[in-house]
Amino acid sequence: MSGYVGDHAVVLGGSIAGSLAARMLADAYRKVTVVDRDELTDGSDPRRAVPQGHHIHALLARGQQILDEMFPGFTDELVSLGVPIGDFGTSLTWYFEGKAIKKAETGLTCVAAGRPLLESRIRRRIKGLSNVTVRELTDVVGLVTSPDRRSVTGVRVQSRAQGSAEEVLAADLVVDATGRGTRTPRWLVELGYPEVAEERVKMDLTYTTCHFRGPLPFDPIGDDIALLPVATPEIRRGAIFARMPDRYSLSLTGLLGDRPPTDHEGFLAYAESLPVPEVYKALRDAEPLGPPVSFHFPASVRRRYERQSRHPEGLLVMGDAACVFNPVYGQGMSVAAIEALVLRRHLSQGPPKPRAFFRDLARAIDAPWDISAGADLGFPEVEGRRTFKTRLGNAYITRLQAAAAEDGELSAAFLRTAGLVDPPQALMRPWVISRVLRGSAR
């Protein structure tokens, strides 16, 4: 891109979505300021504002590809820090209905880094950009607009340092990446704009994570990365058991009010109830590094900014502030990376136009939303809008997963879609359908 499209862009939120937005904005604006209420340390501990940071996070294949494009050598850097990597189809063992799908090479890279480490390494790259400033321990008080309220012209912020006064950061563009606690919908109503339409899928998820010291007395993972018993309508308890850079971690998942316990004995008893006995066998005599920690996730929420009849110029929304996905599917960080590419494409055409940006953002969100929300709606008690497409898709995917237990080609096709590399429509190619039907006949 030649030249700048503006003088100053402000990003609200310094997490992964905000950092990736700042990376794109740095090529288009003379100055970029990232504002976050936390102290953004470069350590390995989760931030207070990211309670889910204690738990296992997945970087899907498409997310890994984009991060390597944005930050050359990023995966190699993680490997140098001891992060395990492997192929999504051979280094992970996926279980559906208690049965493993057949392992197969996909050519897609799985990176087993925790959220705090990924976030800190991305932030280091951002801080290395000469025109990016990170304002830590700073609260966002509200938006600043033109007198007619048709444009956002900045934000009001206040440092958390004692005695600090409120100040205004003037901006040509403001990007809200503050996550699920976003206040943009409320601010828009206060400015006289319509309420932002929302779509919710209520699954009442709780996941509880405990970290264990290695080596394990019994290690079913070995040189691989993880075992993943996936919750299904027939077998409703799920888990992710993973080898991390300096530990082993187990995240237990419970839907619809089923809450994995936070006491050690109860945690292990829940693990023993999984359809994969190797998980409990590996951890029953292992040394925990601390007590189990729980996180409650009531619903996936998609905010439909693309359906607004009016929206102020100079204000965009990205990341969890636009769409919060069920974390079990590991989509959040990778979708944030995909959204950053949408932002880059619009910046290449000049100052972004919100309505056009939100239309393209919605297209980018469609596939991961269909995958995760659609799968959740396969549980009859989950609340949400079920279409014929959703019901048909769930019936078909169940058959595909069953057939993949004996067919590595189907495993690879499924994982390329789950990794957001191929669209869901790829699973409806004639050769895939024929193999699913043959598997069903067997």
Protein backbone atom coordinates (compact mmCIF):
# COMPACT_ATOMS: atom_id res chain seq x y z
CA MET A 1 0.00 0.00 0.00
CA SER A 2 1.46 3.39 -0.95
CA GLY A 3 0.92 6.30 1.42
CA TYR A 4 -1.42 6.59 4.38
CA VAL A 5 -5.21 6.83 4.41
CA GLY A 6 -5.29 8.80 7.68
CA ASP A 7 -3.30 10.27 10.53
CA HIS A 8 -4.46 8.38 13.62
CA ALA A 9 -6.31 5.14 14.33
CA VAL A 10 -7.27 4.02 17.84
CA VAL A 11 -7.85 0.37 18.75
CA LEU A 12 -9.88 -0.36 21.87
CA GLY A 13 -8.56 -3.56 23.42
CA GLY A 14 -5.04 -4.98 23.26
CA SER A 15 -5.87 -8.67 23.08
CA ILE A 16 -5.30 -10.80 19.99
CA ALA A 17 -8.04 -9.24 17.83
CA GLY A 18 -6.90 -5.73 18.79
CA SER A 19 -3.24 -6.51 18.19
CA LEU A 20 -3.92 -7.98 14.76
CA ALA A 21 -6.07 -4.98 13.86
CA ALA A 22 -3.21 -2.69 14.96
CA ARG A 23 -0.83 -4.62 12.72
CA MET A 24 -2.97 -3.88 9.67
CA LEU A 25 -3.68 -0.29 10.67
CA ALA A 26 0.04 0.43 11.08
CA ASP A 27 0.44 0.19 7.31
CA ALA A 28 -2.40 2.64 6.68
CA TYR A 29 -2.19 5.30 9.42
CA ARG A 30 0.70 7.46 10.49
CA LYS A 31 0.00 6.64 14.12
CA VAL A 32 -1.87 3.79 15.82
CA THR A 33 -2.76 3.77 19.51
CA VAL A 34 -3.90 0.62 21.30
CA VAL A 35 -5.81 1.25 24.55
CA ASP A 36 -6.28 -1.47 27.16
CA ARG A 37 -7.42 -1.43 30.77
CA ASP A 38 -4.93 -4.15 31.79
CA GLU A 39 -1.20 -4.18 32.28
CA LEU A 40 -0.15 -5.98 29.12
CA THR A 41 2.74 -8.04 30.39
CA ASP A 42 4.83 -10.29 28.17
CA GLY A 43 4.70 -13.13 30.68
CA SER A 44 3.00 -16.49 30.46
CA ASP A 45 0.25 -15.81 33.02
CA PRO A 46 -3.34 -15.10 31.92
CA ARG A 47 -4.51 -11.49 32.11
CA ARG A 48 -7.21 -10.55 34.61
CA ALA A 49 -9.44 -9.28 31.79
CA VAL A 50 -9.16 -12.63 30.00
CA PRO A 51 -10.46 -15.21 32.51
CA GLN A 52 -10.64 -17.82 29.77
CA GLY A 53 -6.86 -17.46 29.39
CA HIS A 54 -6.35 -20.18 32.02
CA HIS A 55 -7.80 -22.75 29.66
CA ILE A 56 -6.52 -24.56 26.59
CA HIS A 57 -6.77 -22.44 23.46
CA ALA A 58 -6.53 -23.78 19.92
CA LEU A 59 -4.95 -21.95 17.03
CA LEU A 60 -6.69 -23.45 14.02
CA ALA A 61 -4.82 -24.10 10.80
CA ARG A 62 -6.05 -21.00 9.01
CA GLY A 63 -5.09 -18.85 11.97
CA GLN A 64 -1.55 -20.28 11.95
CA GLN A 65 -1.23 -19.58 8.23
CA ILE A 66 -2.31 -15.95 8.63
CA LEU A 67 -0.04 -15.30 11.62
CA ASP A 68 2.94 -16.59 9.64
CA GLU A 69 1.94 -14.24 6.82
CA MET A 70 1.58 -11.24 9.14
CA PHE A 71 4.67 -12.01 11.20
CA PRO A 72 7.23 -13.95 9.12
CA GLY A 73 8.84 -16.73 11.10
CA PHE A 74 6.16 -16.68 13.82
CA THR A 75 5.69 -20.45 14.00
CA ASP A 76 9.47 -21.01 14.01
CA GLU A 77 9.71 -18.54 16.89
CA LEU A 78 7.17 -20.55 18.89
CA VAL A 79 9.02 -23.78 18.17
CA SER A 80 12.22 -22.19 19.48
CA LEU A 81 10.36 -21.57 22.74
CA GLY A 82 9.49 -25.26 23.06
CA VAL A 83 5.94 -25.13 21.68
CA PRO A 84 4.89 -28.51 20.24
CA ILE A 85 3.71 -28.47 16.64
CA GLY A 86 2.42 -31.19 14.36
CA ASP A 87 -0.12 -32.09 11.70
CA PHE A 88 -3.79 -31.60 12.56
CA GLY A 89 -4.62 -35.04 11.21
CA THR A 90 -1.84 -37.09 12.81
CA SER A 91 -0.73 -35.25 15.96
CA LEU A 92 -4.26 -34.99 17.33
CA THR A 93 -6.53 -37.93 18.09
CA TRP A 94 -10.17 -36.94 17.54
CA TYR A 95 -12.99 -38.95 19.11
CA PHE A 96 -16.65 -38.71 18.10
CA GLU A 97 -19.21 -40.88 19.92
CA GLY A 98 -16.23 -42.33 21.78
CA LYS A 99 -14.57 -43.62 18.59
CA ALA A 100 -11.42 -42.16 17.03
CA ILE A 101 -11.49 -41.01 13.44
CA LYS A 102 -8.70 -42.42 11.29
CA LYS A 103 -5.47 -40.42 11.33
CA ALA A 104 -4.41 -38.88 8.04
CA GLU A 105 -1.93 -36.24 6.89
CA THR A 106 -3.59 -32.91 6.20
CA GLY A 107 -0.58 -30.65 5.61
CA LEU A 108 -2.05 -28.28 8.21
CA THR A 109 0.08 -27.15 11.14
CA CYS A 110 -1.20 -27.48 14.70
CA VAL A 111 0.48 -25.13 17.22
CA ALA A 112 0.07 -26.14 20.88
CA ALA A 113 0.78 -22.79 22.51
CA GLY A 114 -1.40 -21.45 25.32
CA ARG A 115 -3.32 -18.20 24.97
CA PRO A 116 -0.99 -16.10 27.19
CA LEU A 117 2.11 -17.13 25.22
CA LEU A 118 0.50 -16.52 21.82
CA GLU A 119 -0.84 -13.16 22.94
CA SER A 120 2.48 -12.01 24.36
CA ARG A 121 4.48 -12.99 21.25
CA ILE A 122 2.00 -11.22 18.96
CA ARG A 123 2.16 -8.15 21.20
CA ARG A 124 5.95 -8.12 21.02
CA ARG A 125 5.73 -7.91 17.25
CA ILE A 126 3.20 -5.08 17.49
CA LYS A 127 5.31 -3.11 19.95
CA GLY A 128 8.18 -3.38 17.51
CA LEU A 129 6.32 -1.23 14.98
CA SER A 130 7.58 2.36 15.16
CA ASN A 131 4.16 3.99 14.69
CA VAL A 132 2.23 1.88 17.23
CA THR A 133 1.77 3.07 20.83
CA VAL A 134 0.22 0.86 23.51
CA ARG A 135 -1.62 2.67 26.32
CA GLU A 136 -1.92 0.22 29.23
CA LEU A 137 -3.93 0.58 32.44
CA THR A 138 -6.25 2.99 30.65
CA ASP A 139 -10.05 2.90 30.72
CA VAL A 140 -12.18 3.77 27.72
CA VAL A 141 -14.88 6.16 28.93
CA GLY A 142 -16.84 6.72 25.72
CA LEU A 143 -16.90 7.78 22.10
CA VAL A 144 -16.44 11.29 20.73
CA THR A 145 -18.52 12.25 17.70
CA SER A 146 -19.06 15.09 15.28
CA PRO A 147 -21.84 17.55 16.25
CA ASP A 148 -24.34 15.76 13.98
CA ARG A 149 -23.26 12.36 15.43
CA ARG A 150 -22.74 10.94 11.96
CA SER A 151 -19.04 10.30 12.54
CA VAL A 152 -16.94 9.04 15.42
CA THR A 153 -13.99 11.38 15.79
CA GLY A 154 -12.20 9.87 18.79
CA VAL A 155 -12.54 8.35 22.25
CA ARG A 156 -12.48 9.59 25.81
CA VAL A 157 -10.01 7.72 27.98
CA GLN A 158 -8.66 7.94 31.51
CA SER A 159 -5.48 6.47 32.93
CA ARG A 160 -5.86 4.35 36.03
CA ALA A 161 -2.99 6.20 37.67
CA GLN A 162 -4.17 8.10 40.75
CA GLY A 163 -5.18 11.67 40.02
CA SER A 164 -5.36 11.19 36.25
CA ALA A 165 -7.81 13.34 34.32
CA GLU A 166 -10.02 12.26 31.46
CA GLU A 167 -8.58 13.03 28.02
CA VAL A 168 -9.67 12.82 24.41
CA LEU A 169 -7.79 10.83 21.78
CA ALA A 170 -8.79 12.30 18.43
CA ALA A 171 -8.91 9.66 15.70
CA ASP A 172 -9.77 9.20 12.05
CA LEU A 173 -10.81 5.64 12.83
CA VAL A 174 -11.78 3.80 16.03
CA VAL A 175 -11.80 -0.01 16.11
CA ASP A 176 -13.63 -1.73 18.98
CA ALA A 177 -11.86 -4.98 19.86
CA THR A 178 -12.85 -5.01 23.53
CA GLY A 179 -14.32 -8.50 23.36
CA ARG A 180 -17.54 -9.88 24.78
CA GLY A 181 -17.83 -6.92 27.19
CA THR A 182 -18.15 -4.45 24.30
CA ARG A 183 -20.15 -1.30 24.99
CA THR A 184 -20.54 -0.26 21.37
CA PRO A 185 -24.18 -1.48 21.07
CA ARG A 186 -25.13 0.65 24.10
CA TRP A 187 -23.14 3.64 22.89
CA LEU A 188 -24.86 3.51 19.50
CA VAL A 189 -28.31 3.56 21.09
CA GLU A 190 -27.27 6.51 23.26
CA LEU A 191 -26.18 8.31 20.08
CA GLY A 192 -29.59 7.75 18.50
CA TYR A 193 -28.76 4.75 16.34
CA PRO A 194 -30.89 1.58 16.14
CA GLU A 195 -30.19 -1.36 18.42
CA VAL A 196 -27.77 -3.85 16.93
CA ALA A 197 -29.56 -7.11 16.10
CA GLU A 198 -28.19 -10.17 17.88
CA GLU A 199 -28.33 -13.90 17.25
CA ARG A 200 -27.80 -16.15 20.29
CA VAL A 201 -27.24 -19.86 20.75
CA LYS A 202 -27.59 -20.74 24.44
CA MET A 203 -25.69 -23.90 25.38
CA ASP A 204 -24.84 -23.12 29.05
CA LEU A 205 -21.25 -24.36 28.78
CA THR A 206 -18.81 -24.77 31.64
CA TYR A 207 -15.26 -25.85 31.14
CA THR A 208 -12.82 -26.64 33.91
CA THR A 209 -9.07 -26.90 33.42
CA CYS A 210 -6.27 -28.36 35.49
CA HIS A 211 -2.57 -28.36 34.63
CA PHE A 212 -0.26 -31.25 35.52
CA ARG A 213 3.47 -31.66 35.85
CA GLY A 214 5.21 -33.87 33.34
CA PRO A 215 6.40 -36.45 32.67
CA LEU A 216 3.24 -38.42 33.32
CA PRO A 217 3.20 -41.88 34.94
CA PHE A 218 1.24 -43.05 31.88
CA ASP A 219 1.41 -40.95 28.72
CA PRO A 220 -1.10 -41.76 25.94
CA ILE A 221 -0.08 -38.65 23.97
CA GLY A 222 3.64 -39.39 23.53
CA ASP A 223 5.13 -37.23 20.80
CA ASP A 224 1.68 -36.18 19.60
CA ILE A 225 -0.13 -33.07 20.84
CA ALA A 226 -3.59 -33.92 22.14
CA LEU A 227 -6.50 -36.30 22.62
CA LEU A 228 -9.90 -34.73 21.93
CA PRO A 229 -13.05 -36.59 22.99
CA VAL A 230 -15.67 -34.29 21.44
CA ALA A 231 -19.04 -33.88 23.16
CA THR A 232 -21.97 -35.04 21.03
CA PRO A 233 -25.72 -35.31 21.57
CA GLU A 234 -25.22 -39.00 22.43
CA ILE A 235 -22.10 -38.60 24.63
CA ARG A 236 -22.36 -35.16 26.17
CA ARG A 237 -19.15 -34.83 28.13
CA GLY A 238 -16.06 -33.73 26.25
CA ALA A 239 -12.45 -32.81 26.89
CA ILE A 240 -9.16 -31.59 25.48
CA PHE A 241 -6.09 -33.34 26.90
CA ALA A 242 -2.99 -31.64 25.56
CA ARG A 243 0.79 -31.58 25.80
CA MET A 244 1.86 -27.97 26.31
CA PRO A 245 5.35 -26.41 26.29
CA ASP A 246 5.93 -26.91 30.03
CA ARG A 247 3.03 -29.03 31.27
CA TYR A 248 0.08 -31.26 30.43
CA SER A 249 -3.38 -29.72 30.53
CA LEU A 250 -6.87 -31.15 30.68
CA SER A 251 -9.95 -29.06 29.94
CA LEU A 252 -13.24 -30.80 30.74
CA THR A 253 -16.43 -29.51 29.12
CA GLY A 254 -20.02 -29.75 30.26
CA LEU A 255 -23.12 -28.51 28.45
CA LEU A 256 -26.59 -27.54 29.56
CA GLY A 257 -25.76 -27.09 33.22
CA ASP A 258 -23.38 -30.04 33.57
CA ARG A 259 -20.45 -28.43 35.42
CA PRO A 260 -17.07 -30.18 35.70
CA PRO A 261 -16.00 -29.83 39.37
CA THR A 262 -13.18 -27.65 40.66
CA ASP A 263 -12.08 -29.98 43.47
CA HIS A 264 -9.37 -32.45 42.49
CA GLU A 265 -11.30 -35.62 43.34
CA GLY A 266 -14.42 -34.42 41.54
CA PHE A 267 -12.32 -33.30 38.55
CA LEU A 268 -10.76 -36.76 38.23
CA ALA A 269 -14.14 -38.44 38.65
CA TYR A 270 -15.50 -36.37 35.77
CA ALA A 271 -12.45 -37.32 33.68
CA GLU A 272 -13.14 -40.98 34.47
CA SER A 273 -16.65 -40.59 33.01
CA LEU A 274 -15.26 -39.70 29.57
CA PRO A 275 -15.60 -42.30 26.80
CA VAL A 276 -11.79 -42.36 26.41
CA PRO A 277 -10.35 -44.16 29.49
CA GLU A 278 -6.75 -43.19 28.63
CA VAL A 279 -7.37 -39.65 29.88
CA TYR A 280 -8.21 -40.70 33.44
CA LYS A 281 -5.51 -43.36 33.46
CA ALA A 282 -2.90 -40.75 32.52
CA LEU A 283 -3.86 -38.27 35.25
CA ARG A 284 -5.12 -40.25 38.22
CA ASP A 285 -1.60 -40.39 39.73
CA ALA A 286 -0.20 -37.22 38.10
CA GLU A 287 0.86 -34.16 40.10
CA PRO A 288 -1.45 -31.15 39.63
CA LEU A 289 0.25 -27.75 39.33
CA GLY A 290 -2.69 -26.04 41.04
CA PRO A 291 -6.41 -26.40 41.64
CA PRO A 292 -8.80 -26.78 38.69
CA VAL A 293 -10.25 -23.50 37.37
CA SER A 294 -13.70 -23.10 35.80
CA PHE A 295 -15.09 -20.73 33.21
CA HIS A 296 -18.80 -20.41 32.43
CA PHE A 297 -19.94 -19.54 28.92
CA PRO A 298 -23.72 -19.12 28.64
CA ALA A 299 -24.17 -18.43 24.92
CA SER A 300 -22.58 -17.73 21.58
CA VAL A 301 -23.54 -14.23 20.43
CA ARG A 302 -23.36 -12.81 16.93
CA ARG A 303 -23.96 -9.09 16.55
CA ARG A 304 -25.39 -8.28 13.15
CA TYR A 305 -23.81 -4.92 12.37
CA GLU A 306 -24.24 -5.62 8.67
CA ARG A 307 -28.03 -5.33 9.16
CA GLN A 308 -27.98 -1.82 10.63
CA SER A 309 -29.86 0.79 8.68
CA ARG A 310 -27.45 3.48 9.95
CA HIS A 311 -23.96 3.42 11.45
CA PRO A 312 -21.53 6.26 12.18
CA GLU A 313 -18.49 6.70 9.98
CA GLY A 314 -15.13 6.10 11.62
CA LEU A 315 -16.20 3.20 13.87
CA LEU A 316 -15.56 -0.50 13.24
CA VAL A 317 -16.05 -3.56 15.46
CA MET A 318 -13.96 -6.76 15.35
CA GLY A 319 -13.19 -9.94 17.25
CA ASP A 320 -15.42 -11.09 20.10
CA ALA A 321 -17.01 -7.64 20.12
CA ALA A 322 -18.59 -8.63 16.80
CA CYS A 323 -19.11 -12.36 17.37
CA VAL A 324 -18.44 -14.56 20.40
CA PHE A 325 -18.03 -18.24 19.47
CA ASN A 326 -18.40 -21.28 21.71
CA PRO A 327 -14.74 -21.69 22.79
CA VAL A 328 -14.91 -25.48 22.58
CA TYR A 329 -14.40 -25.20 18.81
CA GLY A 330 -11.24 -23.08 19.17
CA GLN A 331 -12.29 -20.57 16.52
CA GLY A 332 -11.91 -17.20 18.25
CA MET A 333 -8.23 -16.44 17.62
CA SER A 334 -8.28 -17.76 14.06
CA VAL A 335 -11.43 -15.83 13.16
CA ALA A 336 -9.77 -12.68 14.56
CA ALA A 337 -6.91 -13.31 12.12
CA ILE A 338 -9.35 -13.80 9.22
CA GLU A 339 -11.09 -10.55 10.17
CA ALA A 340 -7.74 -8.75 10.13
CA LEU A 341 -7.41 -9.74 6.45
CA VAL A 342 -10.85 -8.24 5.81
CA LEU A 343 -9.65 -5.03 7.43
CA ARG A 344 -6.48 -5.02 5.31
CA ARG A 345 -8.50 -5.42 2.13
CA HIS A 346 -10.68 -2.42 2.99
CA LEU A 347 -7.72 -0.29 4.03
CA SER A 348 -6.17 -0.93 0.62
CA GLN A 349 -9.10 0.99 -0.87
CA GLY A 350 -8.87 4.01 1.45
CA PRO A 351 -10.53 4.87 4.76
CA PRO A 352 -12.87 1.95 5.57
CA LYS A 353 -16.58 2.43 5.00
CA PRO A 354 -18.35 0.76 7.93
CA ARG A 355 -21.34 -0.65 6.09
CA ALA A 356 -19.21 -2.23 3.35
CA PHE A 357 -16.74 -3.51 5.97
CA PHE A 358 -19.48 -5.11 8.06
CA ARG A 359 -20.95 -6.85 5.02
CA ASP A 360 -17.58 -8.45 4.27
CA LEU A 361 -16.99 -9.19 7.95
CA ALA A 362 -20.32 -11.06 8.04
CA ARG A 363 -19.25 -13.19 5.08
CA ALA A 364 -16.00 -14.04 6.89
CA ILE A 365 -17.92 -15.01 10.04
CA ASP A 366 -20.58 -17.08 8.26
CA ALA A 367 -18.58 -20.31 7.91
CA PRO A 368 -17.18 -20.57 11.46
CA TRP A 369 -20.58 -19.56 12.87
CA ASP A 370 -22.34 -22.23 10.83
CA ILE A 371 -19.83 -24.82 12.08
CA SER A 372 -19.94 -24.04 15.79
CA ALA A 373 -23.49 -22.75 16.25
CA GLY A 374 -24.77 -25.49 13.96
CA ALA A 375 -23.02 -28.19 15.98
CA ASP A 376 -24.40 -26.80 19.25
CA LEU A 377 -27.90 -26.80 17.81
CA GLY A 378 -27.51 -30.54 17.32
CA PHE A 379 -28.24 -30.82 21.06
CA PRO A 380 -32.06 -30.69 21.27
CA GLU A 381 -32.10 -28.65 24.52
CA VAL A 382 -29.80 -25.90 23.20
CA GLU A 383 -31.74 -22.69 22.52
CA GLY A 384 -31.33 -21.04 19.14
CA ARG A 385 -32.76 -20.74 15.66
CA ARG A 386 -32.75 -24.07 13.82
CA THR A 387 -33.15 -24.04 10.07
CA PHE A 388 -33.63 -26.96 7.73
CA LYS A 389 -30.03 -26.40 6.63
CA THR A 390 -28.88 -26.79 10.25
CA ARG A 391 -30.79 -30.03 10.80
CA LEU A 392 -29.64 -31.52 7.49
CA GLY A 393 -26.05 -30.48 8.12
CA ASN A 394 -25.94 -32.05 11.58
CA ALA A 395 -27.36 -35.34 10.30
CA TYR A 396 -24.80 -35.40 7.49
CA ILE A 397 -21.79 -34.48 9.67
CA THR A 398 -22.67 -37.24 12.15
CA ARG A 399 -22.54 -39.76 9.30
CA LEU A 400 -19.30 -38.26 7.97
CA GLN A 401 -17.61 -38.52 11.37
CA ALA A 402 -18.73 -42.12 11.75
CA ALA A 403 -17.42 -43.01 8.29
CA ALA A 404 -14.13 -41.19 9.03
CA ALA A 405 -13.34 -43.83 11.67
CA GLU A 406 -12.33 -46.06 8.74
CA ASP A 407 -11.57 -43.48 6.04
CA GLY A 408 -8.59 -41.13 6.37
CA GLU A 409 -9.66 -39.15 3.30
CA LEU A 410 -12.83 -38.14 5.12
CA SER A 411 -10.84 -37.32 8.26
CA ALA A 412 -8.63 -34.95 6.28
CA ALA A 413 -11.59 -33.32 4.53
CA PHE A 414 -13.39 -32.79 7.83
CA LEU A 415 -10.32 -31.32 9.55
CA ARG A 416 -9.61 -28.93 6.68
CA THR A 417 -13.11 -27.54 7.16
CA ALA A 418 -12.92 -27.51 10.96
CA GLY A 419 -9.57 -25.72 10.62
CA LEU A 420 -11.29 -22.98 8.55
CA VAL A 421 -9.05 -23.68 5.54
CA ASP A 422 -11.84 -25.10 3.38
CA PRO A 423 -15.46 -23.85 3.48
CA PRO A 424 -18.23 -26.11 4.81
CA GLN A 425 -19.44 -26.54 1.23
CA ALA A 426 -16.27 -28.55 0.54
CA LEU A 427 -17.78 -31.40 2.55
CA MET A 428 -20.59 -31.62 -0.02
CA ARG A 429 -18.29 -32.38 -2.94
CA PRO A 430 -19.44 -35.50 -4.83
CA TRP A 431 -16.41 -37.60 -3.83
CA VAL A 432 -16.96 -36.77 -0.15
CA ILE A 433 -20.67 -37.60 -0.29
CA SER A 434 -19.99 -40.91 -2.02
CA ARG A 435 -17.43 -41.95 0.63
CA VAL A 436 -19.85 -40.95 3.42
CA LEU A 437 -22.59 -43.07 1.83
CA ARG A 438 -20.22 -46.03 1.45
CA GLY A 439 -19.23 -45.63 5.10
CA SER A 440 -22.88 -45.51 6.16
CA ALA A 441 -23.58 -48.69 4.19
CA ARG A 442 -20.75 -50.45 6.02
